[in-house]
Amino acid sequence: MVVQIPHSYKEGSSIYPHIHWQQTGSLFPVWKMDYKWFNIGDLVPATFTTLETKTGIKTWESGNLHQVSSFGIINGAANSSGGGISANSKGISSILLIMIYRLDNVVYGNVSGFQFDVHFEKDIDGSRQEFIK
């Protein structure tokens, strides 16, 4: 999928991707997110960075739970930015190329993903110019 960073984004601030999904048992799948993030005028990175998550924000007790899992591990190591992706000079209209998938043998069968989204810090409702704050 492709995500364009909105004009309300506070340039240079971290972003926080997560997935909403249906949990039907006590075990957690391993969700993976591969991404490339680049500004207008940048070269598209040759390789993806991989994030993963295997926890949720709610405790499953029974039934079909609406669960949310935040991507907080980068390439197998804990992410020091608290689950966010550090922006390092990323701006409005920058692009995230994203692949979401499962890679585990923990939960057998299908796991329904509902929605993927990214939380971000805002500073103003838009931008004063088309591509410049």
Protein backbone atom coordinates (compact mmCIF):
# COMPACT_ATOMS: atom_id res chain seq x y z
CA MET A 1 0.00 0.00 0.00
CA VAL A 2 1.00 3.61 -0.37
CA VAL A 3 0.51 6.24 2.36
CA GLN A 4 1.05 9.92 1.61
CA ILE A 5 1.94 11.90 4.74
CA PRO A 6 -0.77 14.60 5.20
CA HIS A 7 -0.11 18.35 5.05
CA SER A 8 -1.15 18.61 8.72
CA TYR A 9 1.87 16.46 9.74
CA LYS A 10 4.42 18.14 12.01
CA GLU A 11 7.51 17.82 9.85
CA GLY A 12 10.34 15.85 11.42
CA SER A 13 8.18 14.18 14.10
CA SER A 14 7.91 10.42 14.58
CA ILE A 15 4.98 8.43 13.19
CA TYR A 16 3.22 5.49 14.85
CA PRO A 17 1.92 2.69 12.59
CA HIS A 18 -0.41 0.00 13.91
CA ILE A 19 -2.85 -2.65 12.76
CA HIS A 20 -6.42 -3.34 13.94
CA TRP A 21 -7.31 -7.03 13.76
CA GLN A 22 -9.60 -9.76 15.09
CA GLN A 23 -8.11 -11.87 17.89
CA THR A 24 -9.91 -15.19 18.43
CA GLY A 25 -7.55 -16.87 20.93
CA SER A 26 -4.86 -16.14 23.50
CA LEU A 27 -1.93 -16.41 21.07
CA PHE A 28 -0.60 -13.50 19.02
CA PRO A 29 0.48 -13.73 15.38
CA VAL A 30 3.69 -12.03 14.28
CA TRP A 31 2.67 -9.09 12.09
CA LYS A 32 5.40 -7.67 9.85
CA MET A 33 5.53 -4.29 8.17
CA ASP A 34 8.15 -3.58 5.50
CA TYR A 35 8.44 0.08 4.55
CA LYS A 36 10.34 2.68 2.57
CA TRP A 37 9.83 6.35 3.51
CA PHE A 38 11.03 9.16 1.25
CA ASN A 39 10.44 12.85 0.50
CA ILE A 40 9.55 14.50 -2.77
CA GLY A 41 12.85 14.77 -4.67
CA ASP A 42 14.51 11.90 -2.77
CA LEU A 43 15.70 8.73 -4.42
CA VAL A 44 13.44 5.80 -3.54
CA PRO A 45 15.39 3.59 -1.10
CA ALA A 46 16.63 0.32 -2.62
CA THR A 47 15.69 -1.77 0.41
CA PHE A 48 12.84 -1.99 2.89
CA THR A 49 13.09 -1.60 6.67
CA THR A 50 11.15 -4.27 8.59
CA LEU A 51 9.09 -3.68 11.73
CA GLU A 52 7.25 -6.37 13.65
CA THR A 53 4.74 -6.71 16.43
CA LYS A 54 3.55 -9.72 18.38
CA THR A 55 1.60 -8.10 21.21
CA GLY A 56 -1.65 -6.19 21.56
CA ILE A 57 -2.99 -3.34 23.66
CA LYS A 58 -5.93 -5.34 25.09
CA THR A 59 -6.10 -8.64 26.97
CA TRP A 60 -8.04 -11.39 25.20
CA GLU A 61 -10.44 -13.30 27.44
CA SER A 62 -12.90 -14.95 25.05
CA GLY A 63 -14.71 -14.55 21.75
CA ASN A 64 -13.70 -12.30 18.86
CA LEU A 65 -11.76 -9.30 20.20
CA HIS A 66 -10.99 -6.12 18.25
CA GLN A 67 -7.26 -5.94 18.93
CA VAL A 68 -4.66 -3.27 18.07
CA SER A 69 -0.96 -4.05 17.66
CA SER A 70 1.64 -1.30 17.32
CA PHE A 71 4.78 -1.85 15.29
CA GLY A 72 7.57 -1.33 17.81
CA ILE A 73 10.42 -3.64 16.81
CA ILE A 74 12.81 -2.84 13.96
CA ASN A 75 14.63 -5.72 12.28
CA GLY A 76 14.29 -7.87 15.42
CA ALA A 77 15.51 -5.23 17.94
CA ALA A 78 13.45 -3.03 20.26
CA ASN A 79 12.75 0.40 18.79
CA SER A 80 14.06 3.16 21.09
CA SER A 81 11.45 5.65 19.85
CA GLY A 82 8.65 3.85 21.71
CA GLY A 83 7.18 2.11 18.70
CA GLY A 84 7.36 5.11 16.42
CA ILE A 85 9.37 5.55 13.27
CA SER A 86 11.84 8.42 13.56
CA ALA A 87 11.28 10.95 10.79
CA ASN A 88 14.82 12.24 10.16
CA SER A 89 13.80 15.28 8.06
CA LYS A 90 10.67 13.80 6.49
CA GLY A 91 8.12 16.33 5.29
CA ILE A 92 4.57 16.75 4.10
CA SER A 93 3.62 14.73 1.03
CA SER A 94 6.45 12.27 1.73
CA ILE A 95 5.55 8.71 0.78
CA LEU A 96 5.51 5.45 2.71
CA LEU A 97 5.56 2.29 0.60
CA ILE A 98 4.27 -0.46 2.90
CA MET A 99 3.77 -4.23 2.88
CA ILE A 100 1.83 -5.82 5.78
CA TYR A 101 1.98 -9.58 6.31
CA ARG A 102 2.17 -12.36 8.89
CA LEU A 103 5.28 -14.43 9.41
CA ASP A 104 4.75 -16.95 12.18
CA ASN A 105 3.86 -20.49 13.10
CA VAL A 106 2.21 -19.43 16.37
CA VAL A 107 -1.40 -18.89 15.31
CA TYR A 108 -2.64 -21.46 12.80
CA GLY A 109 -5.23 -20.55 10.22
CA ASN A 110 -6.42 -17.14 9.14
CA VAL A 111 -6.19 -13.97 11.19
CA SER A 112 -8.43 -11.15 9.99
CA GLY A 113 -6.78 -7.76 9.67
CA PHE A 114 -9.35 -4.94 9.76
CA GLN A 115 -7.42 -1.72 9.22
CA PHE A 116 -3.91 -0.32 9.11
CA ASP A 117 -3.26 3.28 10.03
CA VAL A 118 -0.57 5.69 11.14
CA HIS A 119 -0.86 8.18 13.99
CA PHE A 120 1.21 11.33 13.74
CA GLU A 121 1.71 14.68 15.44
CA LYS A 122 -0.04 17.66 13.83
CA ASP A 123 1.04 21.27 13.98
CA ILE A 124 -1.44 23.03 11.64
CA ASP A 125 -4.47 21.88 9.64
CA GLY A 126 -2.67 22.04 6.31
CA SER A 127 0.15 23.81 4.53
CA ARG A 128 0.42 27.37 3.30
CA GLN A 129 1.77 26.25 -0.09
CA GLU A 130 1.17 23.08 -2.08
CA PHE A 131 4.34 21.28 -0.95
CA ILE A 132 5.84 23.61 1.68
CA LYS A 133 4.66 24.37 5.23
